[in-house]
Amino acid sequence: MKSILVVEDEEAIREFIIINLKRSGYDVFEAGTGEDALRIYDENASKISIVLLDIMLPGIDGFAVCRKLREKSRTVGIIMLTARTQELDKVGGLMIGADDYVTKPFSPSELVARIDALYRRLEIDRESRQPEEIVSGIFTLNLKSRTLKKGDKPVELTQVEYQIMKYFMENPDTALSRSDILNHVWGEDYFGELKIVDVNVRRLRMKIEDEPSNPTHILTVWGYGYKWNAK
């Protein structure tokens, strides 16, 4: 569910916005003050993707709330909502971390379209972000250089071995079938034999296990596939 926090002190306007957002498929949190907005965000940060934030609020104003939200998260989307038309307010909101602004009065379709556009951009950014490294026990896989270290010792991998290790380390303690590994690494259009998975796993064990014949990291799930154990 797409989730948004609407921060607007005028109840009639807030309810009007909420009705239109719910019709467009959003799960809506609401607040009438900046203090409530920050509290609600702290309690639901993992759920809230966007904050629609009025500038003119009782207590701490929208600019102060925007600054605090940006300190808490670099990725939450923030749209400033203002009745003012001065360029200074628009630029000011963007300078302190807002992603967009909408000036009152606005049409429901325009507001939802701007929110939808920001949500799509956030989703694209979220999907494209990935950590530079995956650390699993004593192993570190660098996704940028596509290299593996066991402690401080580099382990040379082929590209296929790298893809298998990445799949294992992204799914620790999970039984992965030979078919899963084959489809993930070689692609669903690959028509070769499952044996190629076993051959590459055997080669990986020779590179990373202290005793390849008695593996402790790449474990066999008999009759099914393999499981990564970092301990």
Protein backbone atom coordinates (compact mmCIF):
# COMPACT_ATOMS: atom_id res chain seq x y z
CA MET A 1 0.00 0.00 0.00
CA LYS A 2 1.26 3.49 -0.91
CA SER A 3 1.35 5.54 2.30
CA ILE A 4 1.38 9.28 2.79
CA LEU A 5 1.27 11.64 5.78
CA VAL A 6 -0.94 14.70 5.24
CA VAL A 7 -0.03 17.62 7.50
CA GLU A 8 -2.67 20.38 7.27
CA ASP A 9 -4.17 22.37 10.13
CA GLU A 10 -7.41 23.32 8.34
CA GLU A 11 -9.64 20.30 8.92
CA ALA A 12 -11.90 20.85 5.89
CA ILE A 13 -8.94 21.04 3.51
CA ARG A 14 -7.27 18.05 5.18
CA GLU A 15 -10.40 15.91 4.83
CA PHE A 16 -10.79 16.98 1.18
CA ILE A 17 -7.20 15.93 0.45
CA ILE A 18 -7.55 12.64 2.31
CA ILE A 19 -10.72 11.65 0.45
CA ASN A 20 -9.04 12.18 -2.92
CA LEU A 21 -5.86 10.36 -1.90
CA LYS A 22 -7.79 7.35 -0.60
CA ARG A 23 -9.72 7.21 -3.87
CA SER A 24 -6.36 7.07 -5.64
CA GLY A 25 -5.19 4.10 -3.58
CA TYR A 26 -3.16 5.75 -0.83
CA ASP A 27 -3.10 4.74 2.81
CA VAL A 28 -3.25 8.09 4.64
CA PHE A 29 -1.89 9.26 7.99
CA GLU A 30 -2.98 12.73 9.09
CA ALA A 31 -1.79 15.47 11.42
CA GLY A 32 -2.98 19.01 12.20
CA THR A 33 0.23 20.31 13.76
CA GLY A 34 3.94 20.01 13.12
CA GLU A 35 4.49 18.37 16.49
CA ASP A 36 1.89 15.67 15.72
CA ALA A 37 3.39 15.20 12.27
CA LEU A 38 6.85 14.44 13.66
CA ARG A 39 5.43 12.08 16.26
CA ILE A 40 3.33 10.19 13.70
CA TYR A 41 6.29 9.99 11.32
CA ASP A 42 8.56 8.60 14.05
CA GLU A 43 5.97 5.94 14.86
CA ASN A 44 5.41 4.95 11.21
CA ALA A 45 8.62 5.87 9.38
CA SER A 46 8.92 2.47 7.71
CA LYS A 47 5.45 2.86 6.19
CA ILE A 48 5.36 6.50 5.12
CA SER A 49 6.77 7.21 1.66
CA ILE A 50 5.64 10.82 1.20
CA VAL A 51 4.76 13.74 3.47
CA LEU A 52 2.38 16.42 2.15
CA LEU A 53 3.28 19.35 4.35
CA ASP A 54 1.49 22.69 4.75
CA ILE A 55 3.83 25.60 5.47
CA MET A 56 1.45 27.57 7.71
CA LEU A 57 0.97 25.43 10.82
CA PRO A 58 0.29 26.27 14.46
CA GLY A 59 3.33 25.75 16.66
CA ILE A 60 6.36 24.77 14.60
CA ASP A 61 5.83 25.68 10.97
CA GLY A 62 6.20 23.57 7.86
CA PHE A 63 9.75 24.74 7.17
CA ALA A 64 10.91 23.53 10.59
CA VAL A 65 9.08 20.23 10.14
CA CYS A 66 10.68 19.80 6.72
CA ARG A 67 14.16 20.30 8.17
CA LYS A 68 13.54 17.78 10.93
CA LEU A 69 12.08 15.22 8.53
CA ARG A 70 15.08 15.56 6.25
CA GLU A 71 17.39 15.03 9.22
CA LYS A 72 15.51 11.82 9.98
CA SER A 73 15.42 10.51 6.40
CA ARG A 74 17.12 11.35 3.12
CA THR A 75 14.64 9.24 1.17
CA VAL A 76 11.16 10.26 2.35
CA GLY A 77 9.38 12.38 -0.27
CA ILE A 78 8.29 15.86 0.88
CA ILE A 79 5.80 18.08 -0.95
CA MET A 80 5.22 21.55 0.51
CA LEU A 81 1.68 22.89 0.42
CA THR A 82 1.27 26.66 0.66
CA ALA A 83 -1.27 29.39 0.08
CA ARG A 84 1.53 31.84 -0.55
CA THR A 85 2.62 32.62 -4.09
CA GLN A 86 5.91 34.29 -3.24
CA GLU A 87 8.84 32.71 -5.03
CA LEU A 88 10.86 32.96 -1.82
CA ASP A 89 8.65 30.41 -0.05
CA LYS A 90 8.82 27.97 -2.94
CA VAL A 91 12.57 28.22 -3.25
CA GLY A 92 12.98 28.15 0.53
CA GLY A 93 11.13 24.85 0.81
CA LEU A 94 13.21 23.27 -1.94
CA MET A 95 16.45 24.56 -0.43
CA ILE A 96 15.79 22.88 2.92
CA GLY A 97 15.00 19.51 1.39
CA ALA A 98 11.50 19.46 -0.09
CA ASP A 99 11.08 17.57 -3.35
CA ASP A 100 8.20 19.62 -4.75
CA TYR A 101 5.59 22.22 -3.86
CA VAL A 102 1.92 22.77 -4.68
CA THR A 103 0.30 26.19 -4.31
CA LYS A 104 -3.23 26.63 -2.99
CA PRO A 105 -5.79 26.66 -4.48
CA PHE A 106 -5.19 23.43 -6.38
CA SER A 107 -7.33 20.88 -8.18
CA PRO A 108 -7.54 17.36 -6.72
CA SER A 109 -6.32 15.87 -10.00
CA GLU A 110 -3.25 18.13 -10.06
CA LEU A 111 -2.36 17.33 -6.47
CA VAL A 112 -2.73 13.57 -6.94
CA ALA A 113 -0.76 13.72 -10.19
CA ARG A 114 2.14 15.51 -8.47
CA ILE A 115 2.08 13.01 -5.60
CA ASP A 116 1.94 10.06 -8.02
CA ALA A 117 4.89 11.45 -9.98
CA LEU A 118 7.00 11.80 -6.84
CA TYR A 119 6.00 8.33 -5.66
CA ARG A 120 7.12 6.82 -8.99
CA ARG A 121 10.49 8.59 -8.75
CA LEU A 122 10.98 7.37 -5.20
CA GLU A 123 10.20 3.79 -6.24
CA ILE A 124 12.71 3.95 -9.09
CA ASP A 125 15.36 5.34 -6.73
CA ARG A 126 14.58 2.72 -4.12
CA GLU A 127 14.88 -0.14 -6.60
CA SER A 128 18.14 1.19 -8.00
CA ARG A 129 19.76 1.63 -4.60
CA GLN A 130 21.84 -1.20 -3.32
CA PRO A 131 24.56 -1.46 -0.71
CA GLU A 132 28.13 -1.41 -1.90
CA GLU A 133 28.90 -4.49 0.14
CA ILE A 134 27.18 -7.55 1.51
CA VAL A 135 28.77 -8.76 4.73
CA SER A 136 27.95 -12.28 5.81
CA GLY A 137 29.99 -13.71 8.66
CA ILE A 138 33.67 -13.47 7.72
CA PHE A 139 32.82 -12.93 4.05
CA THR A 140 32.51 -9.54 2.34
CA LEU A 141 31.18 -9.30 -1.19
CA ASN A 142 31.86 -5.94 -2.84
CA LEU A 143 29.08 -5.27 -5.36
CA LYS A 144 30.95 -2.43 -7.00
CA SER A 145 34.20 -4.23 -7.74
CA ARG A 146 32.47 -7.64 -7.80
CA THR A 147 35.10 -9.13 -5.52
CA LEU A 148 34.97 -11.42 -2.50
CA LYS A 149 37.05 -11.45 0.65
CA LYS A 150 37.25 -14.14 3.29
CA GLY A 151 38.44 -12.14 6.26
CA ASP A 152 41.31 -10.12 4.75
CA LYS A 153 42.06 -12.69 2.07
CA PRO A 154 40.77 -12.02 -1.46
CA VAL A 155 39.02 -14.88 -3.21
CA GLU A 156 39.14 -14.89 -6.99
CA LEU A 157 35.77 -15.62 -8.58
CA THR A 158 34.54 -16.10 -12.10
CA GLN A 159 31.49 -14.04 -13.04
CA VAL A 160 29.24 -17.09 -12.62
CA GLU A 161 30.73 -17.82 -9.20
CA TYR A 162 30.21 -14.20 -8.21
CA GLN A 163 26.52 -14.37 -9.19
CA ILE A 164 26.05 -17.57 -7.19
CA MET A 165 27.77 -16.10 -4.13
CA LYS A 166 25.66 -12.96 -4.37
CA TYR A 167 22.50 -15.05 -4.53
CA PHE A 168 23.59 -17.12 -1.55
CA MET A 169 24.61 -14.13 0.57
CA GLU A 170 21.38 -12.27 -0.21
CA ASN A 171 19.43 -15.29 1.04
CA PRO A 172 21.20 -16.58 4.16
CA ASP A 173 19.86 -19.72 5.85
CA THR A 174 17.41 -20.23 2.98
CA ALA A 175 17.18 -23.48 1.06
CA LEU A 176 17.61 -22.63 -2.62
CA SER A 177 16.73 -25.26 -5.17
CA ARG A 178 19.04 -26.08 -8.05
CA SER A 179 16.36 -24.74 -10.39
CA ASP A 180 16.19 -21.47 -8.44
CA ILE A 181 19.95 -21.03 -8.72
CA LEU A 182 19.97 -21.98 -12.40
CA ASN A 183 17.19 -19.54 -13.29
CA HIS A 184 18.67 -16.72 -11.21
CA VAL A 185 22.23 -17.01 -12.51
CA TRP A 186 21.88 -18.42 -16.02
CA GLY A 187 18.39 -17.10 -16.78
CA GLU A 188 15.06 -18.82 -17.39
CA ASP A 189 15.88 -19.28 -21.09
CA TYR A 190 18.87 -21.48 -20.30
CA PHE A 191 18.27 -25.03 -21.47
CA GLY A 192 21.35 -26.71 -20.05
CA GLU A 193 21.45 -29.31 -17.31
CA LEU A 194 21.11 -28.68 -13.58
CA LYS A 195 24.50 -30.33 -13.23
CA ILE A 196 26.16 -27.01 -14.10
CA VAL A 197 24.96 -25.68 -10.73
CA ASP A 198 26.61 -28.55 -8.87
CA VAL A 199 29.88 -28.11 -10.74
CA ASN A 200 30.09 -24.41 -9.91
CA VAL A 201 29.11 -24.98 -6.29
CA ARG A 202 31.87 -27.57 -6.03
CA ARG A 203 34.37 -25.05 -7.42
CA LEU A 204 33.15 -22.41 -4.97
CA ARG A 205 33.59 -24.77 -2.06
CA MET A 206 37.19 -25.35 -3.09
CA LYS A 207 37.77 -21.61 -2.96
CA ILE A 208 35.98 -20.62 0.25
CA GLU A 209 35.73 -23.70 2.49
CA ASP A 210 38.49 -24.70 4.91
CA GLU A 211 37.60 -28.33 4.17
CA PRO A 212 35.78 -28.54 0.81
CA SER A 213 34.83 -32.17 1.44
CA ASN A 214 33.21 -31.16 4.73
CA PRO A 215 31.66 -27.75 3.93
CA THR A 216 30.39 -25.45 6.66
CA HIS A 217 29.22 -22.51 4.54
CA ILE A 218 27.64 -23.90 1.38
CA LEU A 219 25.50 -26.70 2.78
CA THR A 220 23.77 -29.35 0.71
CA VAL A 221 20.02 -29.68 1.11
CA TRP A 222 19.70 -33.28 -0.01
CA GLY A 223 17.40 -33.88 -2.92
CA TYR A 224 16.77 -30.15 -3.31
CA GLY A 225 19.70 -27.76 -3.54
CA TYR A 226 21.93 -25.68 -1.29
CA LYS A 227 21.84 -23.31 1.68
CA TRP A 228 24.24 -20.55 2.68
CA ASN A 229 25.48 -20.60 6.26
CA ALA A 230 27.74 -17.71 7.25
CA LYS A 231 28.40 -18.89 10.81
